[in-house]
Amino acid sequence: MSFALPEAMRAYIDERVQSGQYGNTSEYLRDLIRQDQENESRQRLRSLIAAGLESGEARPFDRASRDELRSRSLSESE
């Protein structure tokens, strides 16, 4: 993969690598991507929690509820 960066960004990355925290530019970029992936996962979880809280009154999770979810899941995957 190849891409161009403004000189100021390149200098910043070089400083981060020279600080010893990263072995090279690739390590730094991989770390940024991992952090972004983790942030996206956390945001997705927050959204799912919010949707659950807004979905209405809680109800017990019993065998009938489990069977209903399983049935809905199987019908959606077809």
PDB file of N, CA and C in Angstrom:
ATOM      1  N   MET A   1       0.856  -1.163   0.000  1.00  0.00           N
ATOM      2  CA  MET A   1       0.000   0.000   0.000  1.00  0.00           C
ATOM      3  C   MET A   1       0.903   1.227   0.000  1.00  0.00           C
ATOM      4  N   SER A   2       0.529   2.163  -0.792  1.00  0.00           N
ATOM      5  CA  SER A   2       1.321   3.380  -0.885  1.00  0.00           C
ATOM      6  C   SER A   2       0.381   4.577  -0.866  1.00  0.00           C
ATOM      7  N   PHE A   3       0.775   5.613  -0.147  1.00  0.00           N
ATOM      8  CA  PHE A   3      -0.031   6.821  -0.113  1.00  0.00           C
ATOM      9  C   PHE A   3       0.864   8.001   0.243  1.00  0.00           C
ATOM     10  N   ALA A   4       0.379   9.173  -0.065  1.00  0.00           N
ATOM     11  CA  ALA A   4       1.145  10.394   0.187  1.00  0.00           C
ATOM     12  C   ALA A   4       0.617  11.086   1.437  1.00  0.00           C
ATOM     13  N   LEU A   5       1.533  11.644   2.213  1.00  0.00           N
ATOM     14  CA  LEU A   5       1.171  12.408   3.407  1.00  0.00           C
ATOM     15  C   LEU A   5       1.811  13.783   3.318  1.00  0.00           C
ATOM     16  N   PRO A   6       1.146  14.780   3.867  1.00  0.00           N
ATOM     17  CA  PRO A   6       1.786  16.095   3.952  1.00  0.00           C
ATOM     18  C   PRO A   6       3.055  15.988   4.800  1.00  0.00           C
ATOM     19  N   GLU A   7       4.003  16.815   4.530  1.00  0.00           N
ATOM     20  CA  GLU A   7       5.291  16.768   5.227  1.00  0.00           C
ATOM     21  C   GLU A   7       5.132  16.881   6.740  1.00  0.00           C
ATOM     22  N   ALA A   8       4.199  17.701   7.193  1.00  0.00           N
ATOM     23  CA  ALA A   8       4.002  17.865   8.640  1.00  0.00           C
ATOM     24  C   ALA A   8       3.564  16.542   9.280  1.00  0.00           C
ATOM     25  N   MET A   9       2.701  15.797   8.613  1.00  0.00           N
ATOM     26  CA  MET A   9       2.271  14.499   9.150  1.00  0.00           C
ATOM     27  C   MET A   9       3.417  13.493   9.120  1.00  0.00           C
ATOM     28  N   ARG A  10       4.163  13.505   8.064  1.00  0.00           N
ATOM     29  CA  ARG A  10       5.305  12.594   7.950  1.00  0.00           C
ATOM     30  C   ARG A  10       6.319  12.868   9.073  1.00  0.00           C
ATOM     31  N   ALA A  11       6.566  14.150   9.326  1.00  0.00           N
ATOM     32  CA  ALA A  11       7.503  14.525  10.385  1.00  0.00           C
ATOM     33  C   ALA A  11       6.967  14.071  11.746  1.00  0.00           C
ATOM     34  N   TYR A  12       5.676  14.202  11.959  1.00  0.00           N
ATOM     35  CA  TYR A  12       5.077  13.767  13.219  1.00  0.00           C
ATOM     36  C   TYR A  12       5.253  12.264  13.404  1.00  0.00           C
ATOM     37  N   ILE A  13       4.977  11.495  12.360  1.00  0.00           N
ATOM     38  CA  ILE A  13       5.149  10.040  12.434  1.00  0.00           C
ATOM     39  C   ILE A  13       6.602   9.691  12.711  1.00  0.00           C
ATOM     40  N   ASP A  14       7.507  10.367  12.029  1.00  0.00           N
ATOM     41  CA  ASP A  14       8.942  10.123  12.257  1.00  0.00           C
ATOM     42  C   ASP A  14       9.321  10.392  13.716  1.00  0.00           C
ATOM     43  N   GLU A  15       8.769  11.460  14.295  1.00  0.00           N
ATOM     44  CA  GLU A  15       9.042  11.769  15.698  1.00  0.00           C
ATOM     45  C   GLU A  15       8.537  10.654  16.610  1.00  0.00           C
ATOM     46  N   ARG A  16       7.356  10.136  16.312  1.00  0.00           N
ATOM     47  CA  ARG A  16       6.781   9.053  17.123  1.00  0.00           C
ATOM     48  C   ARG A  16       7.664   7.809  17.058  1.00  0.00           C
ATOM     49  N   VAL A  17       8.157   7.505  15.873  1.00  0.00           N
ATOM     50  CA  VAL A  17       9.023   6.337  15.709  1.00  0.00           C
ATOM     51  C   VAL A  17      10.351   6.569  16.424  1.00  0.00           C
ATOM     52  N   GLN A  18      10.920   7.767  16.247  1.00  0.00           N
ATOM     53  CA  GLN A  18      12.213   8.078  16.869  1.00  0.00           C
ATOM     54  C   GLN A  18      12.130   8.112  18.395  1.00  0.00           C
ATOM     55  N   SER A  19      10.935   8.299  18.936  1.00  0.00           N
ATOM     56  CA  SER A  19      10.779   8.320  20.396  1.00  0.00           C
ATOM     57  C   SER A  19      11.019   6.934  20.989  1.00  0.00           C
ATOM     58  N   GLY A  20      10.990   5.910  20.133  1.00  0.00           N
ATOM     59  CA  GLY A  20      11.224   4.549  20.600  1.00  0.00           C
ATOM     60  C   GLY A  20       9.952   3.790  20.920  1.00  0.00           C
ATOM     61  N   GLN A  21       8.825   4.478  20.873  1.00  0.00           N
ATOM     62  CA  GLN A  21       7.563   3.805  21.177  1.00  0.00           C
ATOM     63  C   GLN A  21       7.169   2.826  20.074  1.00  0.00           C
ATOM     64  N   TYR A  22       7.596   3.102  18.862  1.00  0.00           N
ATOM     65  CA  TYR A  22       7.307   2.248  17.706  1.00  0.00           C
ATOM     66  C   TYR A  22       8.615   1.914  17.004  1.00  0.00           C
ATOM     67  N   GLY A  23       8.692   0.701  16.488  1.00  0.00           N
ATOM     68  CA  GLY A  23       9.905   0.267  15.811  1.00  0.00           C
ATOM     69  C   GLY A  23      10.067   0.881  14.437  1.00  0.00           C
ATOM     70  N   ASN A  24       8.955   1.152  13.788  1.00  0.00           N
ATOM     71  CA  ASN A  24       8.996   1.745  12.452  1.00  0.00           C
ATOM     72  C   ASN A  24       7.634   2.339  12.117  1.00  0.00           C
ATOM     73  N   THR A  25       7.550   2.971  10.954  1.00  0.00           N
ATOM     74  CA  THR A  25       6.318   3.627  10.530  1.00  0.00           C
ATOM     75  C   THR A  25       5.163   2.639  10.421  1.00  0.00           C
ATOM     76  N   SER A  26       5.424   1.450   9.931  1.00  0.00           N
ATOM     77  CA  SER A  26       4.365   0.456   9.778  1.00  0.00           C
ATOM     78  C   SER A  26       3.753   0.082  11.125  1.00  0.00           C
ATOM     79  N   GLU A  27       4.595  -0.080  12.138  1.00  0.00           N
ATOM     80  CA  GLU A  27       4.077  -0.396  13.475  1.00  0.00           C
ATOM     81  C   GLU A  27       3.163   0.709  13.972  1.00  0.00           C
ATOM     82  N   TYR A  28       3.574   1.947  13.754  1.00  0.00           N
ATOM     83  CA  TYR A  28       2.763   3.086  14.182  1.00  0.00           C
ATOM     84  C   TYR A  28       1.412   3.079  13.479  1.00  0.00           C
ATOM     85  N   LEU A  29       1.417   2.898  12.174  1.00  0.00           N
ATOM     86  CA  LEU A  29       0.165   2.893  11.416  1.00  0.00           C
ATOM     87  C   LEU A  29      -0.728   1.714  11.798  1.00  0.00           C
ATOM     88  N   ARG A  30      -0.135   0.537  12.011  1.00  0.00           N
ATOM     89  CA  ARG A  30      -0.934  -0.620  12.449  1.00  0.00           C
ATOM     90  C   ARG A  30      -1.581  -0.346  13.800  1.00  0.00           C
ATOM     91  N   ASP A  31      -0.840   0.304  14.702  1.00  0.00           N
ATOM     92  CA  ASP A  31      -1.392   0.637  16.005  1.00  0.00           C
ATOM     93  C   ASP A  31      -2.568   1.610  15.866  1.00  0.00           C
ATOM     94  N   LEU A  32      -2.435   2.600  15.005  1.00  0.00           N
ATOM     95  CA  LEU A  32      -3.538   3.536  14.770  1.00  0.00           C
ATOM     96  C   LEU A  32      -4.771   2.813  14.237  1.00  0.00           C
ATOM     97  N   ILE A  33      -4.564   1.888  13.325  1.00  0.00           N
ATOM     98  CA  ILE A  33      -5.687   1.143  12.758  1.00  0.00           C
ATOM     99  C   ILE A  33      -6.346   0.279  13.829  1.00  0.00           C
ATOM    100  N   ARG A  34      -5.552  -0.395  14.652  1.00  0.00           N
ATOM    101  CA  ARG A  34      -6.121  -1.204  15.747  1.00  0.00           C
ATOM    102  C   ARG A  34      -6.929  -0.331  16.700  1.00  0.00           C
ATOM    103  N   GLN A  35      -6.398   0.836  17.039  1.00  0.00           N
ATOM    104  CA  GLN A  35      -7.130   1.751  17.923  1.00  0.00           C
ATOM    105  C   GLN A  35      -8.446   2.180  17.291  1.00  0.00           C
ATOM    106  N   ASP A  36      -8.432   2.460  16.000  1.00  0.00           N
ATOM    107  CA  ASP A  36      -9.650   2.849  15.300  1.00  0.00           C
ATOM    108  C   ASP A  36     -10.657   1.706  15.302  1.00  0.00           C
ATOM    109  N   GLN A  37     -10.195   0.488  15.087  1.00  0.00           N
ATOM    110  CA  GLN A  37     -11.086  -0.671  15.114  1.00  0.00           C
ATOM    111  C   GLN A  37     -11.713  -0.838  16.504  1.00  0.00           C
ATOM    112  N   GLU A  38     -10.905  -0.668  17.546  1.00  0.00           N
ATOM    113  CA  GLU A  38     -11.425  -0.770  18.908  1.00  0.00           C
ATOM    114  C   GLU A  38     -12.443   0.323  19.193  1.00  0.00           C
ATOM    115  N   ASN A  39     -12.171   1.539  18.728  1.00  0.00           N
ATOM    116  CA  ASN A  39     -13.123   2.636  18.910  1.00  0.00           C
ATOM    117  C   ASN A  39     -14.437   2.338  18.198  1.00  0.00           C
ATOM    118  N   GLU A  40     -14.363   1.813  17.000  1.00  0.00           N
ATOM    119  CA  GLU A  40     -15.574   1.449  16.257  1.00  0.00           C
ATOM    120  C   GLU A  40     -16.361   0.370  16.990  1.00  0.00           C
ATOM    121  N   SER A  41     -15.666  -0.612  17.545  1.00  0.00           N
ATOM    122  CA  SER A  41     -16.331  -1.683  18.295  1.00  0.00           C
ATOM    123  C   SER A  41     -17.020  -1.127  19.536  1.00  0.00           C
ATOM    124  N   ARG A  42     -16.330  -0.234  20.252  1.00  0.00           N
ATOM    125  CA  ARG A  42     -16.943   0.372  21.435  1.00  0.00           C
ATOM    126  C   ARG A  42     -18.176   1.191  21.061  1.00  0.00           C
ATOM    127  N   GLN A  43     -18.082   1.935  19.959  1.00  0.00           N
ATOM    128  CA  GLN A  43     -19.225   2.739  19.518  1.00  0.00           C
ATOM    129  C   GLN A  43     -20.395   1.847  19.128  1.00  0.00           C
ATOM    130  N   ARG A  44     -20.124   0.739  18.458  1.00  0.00           N
ATOM    131  CA  ARG A  44     -21.179  -0.210  18.086  1.00  0.00           C
ATOM    132  C   ARG A  44     -21.842  -0.780  19.333  1.00  0.00           C
ATOM    133  N   LEU A  45     -21.047  -1.143  20.329  1.00  0.00           N
ATOM    134  CA  LEU A  45     -21.597  -1.666  21.571  1.00  0.00           C
ATOM    135  C   LEU A  45     -22.460  -0.621  22.262  1.00  0.00           C
ATOM    136  N   ARG A  46     -21.986   0.629  22.311  1.00  0.00           N
ATOM    137  CA  ARG A  46     -22.779   1.704  22.916  1.00  0.00           C
ATOM    138  C   ARG A  46     -24.118   1.858  22.200  1.00  0.00           C
ATOM    139  N   SER A  47     -24.091   1.788  20.874  1.00  0.00           N
ATOM    140  CA  SER A  47     -25.321   1.915  20.091  1.00  0.00           C
ATOM    141  C   SER A  47     -26.283   0.771  20.388  1.00  0.00           C
ATOM    142  N   LEU A  48     -25.752  -0.445  20.489  1.00  0.00           N
ATOM    143  CA  LEU A  48     -26.597  -1.597  20.789  1.00  0.00           C
ATOM    144  C   LEU A  48     -27.187  -1.496  22.196  1.00  0.00           C
ATOM    145  N   ILE A  49     -26.398  -1.037  23.146  1.00  0.00           N
ATOM    146  CA  ILE A  49     -26.900  -0.863  24.510  1.00  0.00           C
ATOM    147  C   ILE A  49     -27.999   0.189  24.533  1.00  0.00           C
ATOM    148  N   ALA A  50     -27.766   1.308  23.856  1.00  0.00           N
ATOM    149  CA  ALA A  50     -28.776   2.370  23.811  1.00  0.00           C
ATOM    150  C   ALA A  50     -30.058   1.861  23.161  1.00  0.00           C
ATOM    151  N   ALA A  51     -29.929   1.112  22.072  1.00  0.00           N
ATOM    152  CA  ALA A  51     -31.117   0.571  21.400  1.00  0.00           C
ATOM    153  C   ALA A  51     -31.863  -0.378  22.334  1.00  0.00           C
ATOM    154  N   GLY A  52     -31.119  -1.181  23.079  1.00  0.00           N
ATOM    155  CA  GLY A  52     -31.755  -2.094  24.024  1.00  0.00           C
ATOM    156  C   GLY A  52     -32.496  -1.353  25.116  1.00  0.00           C
ATOM    157  N   LEU A  53     -31.881  -0.308  25.647  1.00  0.00           N
ATOM    158  CA  LEU A  53     -32.520   0.472  26.700  1.00  0.00           C
ATOM    159  C   LEU A  53     -33.772   1.186  26.199  1.00  0.00           C
ATOM    160  N   GLU A  54     -33.757   1.582  24.934  1.00  0.00           N
ATOM    161  CA  GLU A  54     -34.893   2.294  24.359  1.00  0.00           C
ATOM    162  C   GLU A  54     -35.963   1.354  23.806  1.00  0.00           C
ATOM    163  N   SER A  55     -35.720   0.061  23.848  1.00  0.00           N
ATOM    164  CA  SER A  55     -36.636  -0.881  23.193  1.00  0.00           C
ATOM    165  C   SER A  55     -37.876  -1.205  24.011  1.00  0.00           C
ATOM    166  N   GLY A  56     -37.935  -0.710  25.211  1.00  0.00           N
ATOM    167  CA  GLY A  56     -39.137  -0.942  26.001  1.00  0.00           C
ATOM    168  C   GLY A  56     -38.852  -1.686  27.281  1.00  0.00           C
ATOM    169  N   GLU A  57     -39.930  -2.057  27.909  1.00  0.00           N
ATOM    170  CA  GLU A  57     -39.877  -2.741  29.204  1.00  0.00           C
ATOM    171  C   GLU A  57     -39.148  -4.072  29.085  1.00  0.00           C
ATOM    172  N   ALA A  58     -38.346  -4.364  30.084  1.00  0.00           N
ATOM    173  CA  ALA A  58     -37.635  -5.649  30.111  1.00  0.00           C
ATOM    174  C   ALA A  58     -38.634  -6.769  30.370  1.00  0.00           C
ATOM    175  N   ARG A  59     -38.323  -7.937  29.834  1.00  0.00           N
ATOM    176  CA  ARG A  59     -39.161  -9.105  30.104  1.00  0.00           C
ATOM    177  C   ARG A  59     -38.251 -10.289  30.402  1.00  0.00           C
ATOM    178  N   PRO A  60     -38.746 -11.239  31.144  1.00  0.00           N
ATOM    179  CA  PRO A  60     -37.903 -12.376  31.512  1.00  0.00           C
ATOM    180  C   PRO A  60     -37.422 -13.139  30.287  1.00  0.00           C
ATOM    181  N   PHE A  61     -36.209 -13.640  30.385  1.00  0.00           N
ATOM    182  CA  PHE A  61     -35.667 -14.463  29.302  1.00  0.00           C
ATOM    183  C   PHE A  61     -35.839 -15.917  29.699  1.00  0.00           C
ATOM    184  N   ASP A  62     -36.835 -16.534  29.111  1.00  0.00           N
ATOM    185  CA  ASP A  62     -37.128 -17.915  29.429  1.00  0.00           C
ATOM    186  C   ASP A  62     -37.012 -18.771  28.172  1.00  0.00           C
ATOM    187  N   ARG A  63     -37.405 -19.997  28.271  1.00  0.00           N
ATOM    188  CA  ARG A  63     -37.292 -20.911  27.132  1.00  0.00           C
ATOM    189  C   ARG A  63     -38.094 -20.405  25.928  1.00  0.00           C
ATOM    190  N   ALA A  64     -39.283 -19.881  26.162  1.00  0.00           N
ATOM    191  CA  ALA A  64     -40.117 -19.376  25.060  1.00  0.00           C
ATOM    192  C   ALA A  64     -39.417 -18.207  24.362  1.00  0.00           C
ATOM    193  N   SER A  65     -38.797 -17.316  25.149  1.00  0.00           N
ATOM    194  CA  SER A  65     -38.069 -16.181  24.560  1.00  0.00           C
ATOM    195  C   SER A  65     -36.897 -16.682  23.725  1.00  0.00           C
ATOM    196  N   ARG A  66     -36.166 -17.648  24.263  1.00  0.00           N
ATOM    197  CA  ARG A  66     -35.028 -18.212  23.539  1.00  0.00           C
ATOM    198  C   ARG A  66     -35.473 -18.844  22.231  1.00  0.00           C
ATOM    199  N   ASP A  67     -36.552 -19.614  22.269  1.00  0.00           N
ATOM    200  CA  ASP A  67     -37.053 -20.268  21.065  1.00  0.00           C
ATOM    201  C   ASP A  67     -37.514 -19.244  20.024  1.00  0.00           C
ATOM    202  N   GLU A  68     -38.142 -18.170  20.500  1.00  0.00           N
ATOM    203  CA  GLU A  68     -38.585 -17.109  19.585  1.00  0.00           C
ATOM    204  C   GLU A  68     -37.385 -16.459  18.899  1.00  0.00           C
ATOM    205  N   LEU A  69     -36.353 -16.146  19.670  1.00  0.00           N
ATOM    206  CA  LEU A  69     -35.149 -15.533  19.090  1.00  0.00           C
ATOM    207  C   LEU A  69     -34.477 -16.472  18.099  1.00  0.00           C
ATOM    208  N   ARG A  70     -34.396 -17.726  18.449  1.00  0.00           N
ATOM    209  CA  ARG A  70     -33.779 -18.707  17.552  1.00  0.00           C
ATOM    210  C   ARG A  70     -34.564 -18.787  16.243  1.00  0.00           C
ATOM    211  N   SER A  71     -35.874 -18.820  16.345  1.00  0.00           N
ATOM    212  CA  SER A  71     -36.721 -18.896  15.157  1.00  0.00           C
ATOM    213  C   SER A  71     -36.546 -17.656  14.282  1.00  0.00           C
ATOM    214  N   ARG A  72     -36.539 -16.473  14.914  1.00  0.00           N
ATOM    215  CA  ARG A  72     -36.353 -15.238  14.150  1.00  0.00           C
ATOM    216  C   ARG A  72     -34.992 -15.196  13.492  1.00  0.00           C
ATOM    217  N   SER A  73     -33.978 -15.653  14.206  1.00  0.00           N
ATOM    218  CA  SER A  73     -32.614 -15.660  13.671  1.00  0.00           C
ATOM    219  C   SER A  73     -32.524 -16.569  12.447  1.00  0.00           C
ATOM    220  N   LEU A  74     -33.106 -17.729  12.546  1.00  0.00           N
ATOM    221  CA  LEU A  74     -33.050 -18.677  11.428  1.00  0.00           C
ATOM    222  C   LEU A  74     -33.817 -18.168  10.217  1.00  0.00           C
ATOM    223  N   SER A  75     -34.960 -17.524  10.443  1.00  0.00           N
ATOM    224  CA  SER A  75     -35.739 -17.009   9.310  1.00  0.00           C
ATOM    225  C   SER A  75     -35.052 -15.829   8.646  1.00  0.00           C
ATOM    226  N   GLU A  76     -34.290 -15.031   9.406  1.00  0.00           N
ATOM    227  CA  GLU A  76     -33.575 -13.878   8.847  1.00  0.00           C
ATOM    228  C   GLU A  76     -32.349 -14.312   8.052  1.00  0.00           C
ATOM    229  N   SER A  77     -31.790 -15.450   8.378  1.00  0.00           N
ATOM    230  CA  SER A  77     -30.580 -15.900   7.695  1.00  0.00           C
ATOM    231  C   SER A  77     -30.883 -16.595   6.379  1.00  0.00           C
ATOM    232  N   GLU A  78     -32.129 -16.834   6.105  1.00  0.00           N
ATOM    233  CA  GLU A  78     -32.506 -17.529   4.852  1.00  0.00           C
ATOM    234  C   GLU A  78     -32.615 -16.578   3.694  1.00  0.00           C
TER     235      GLU A  78
END
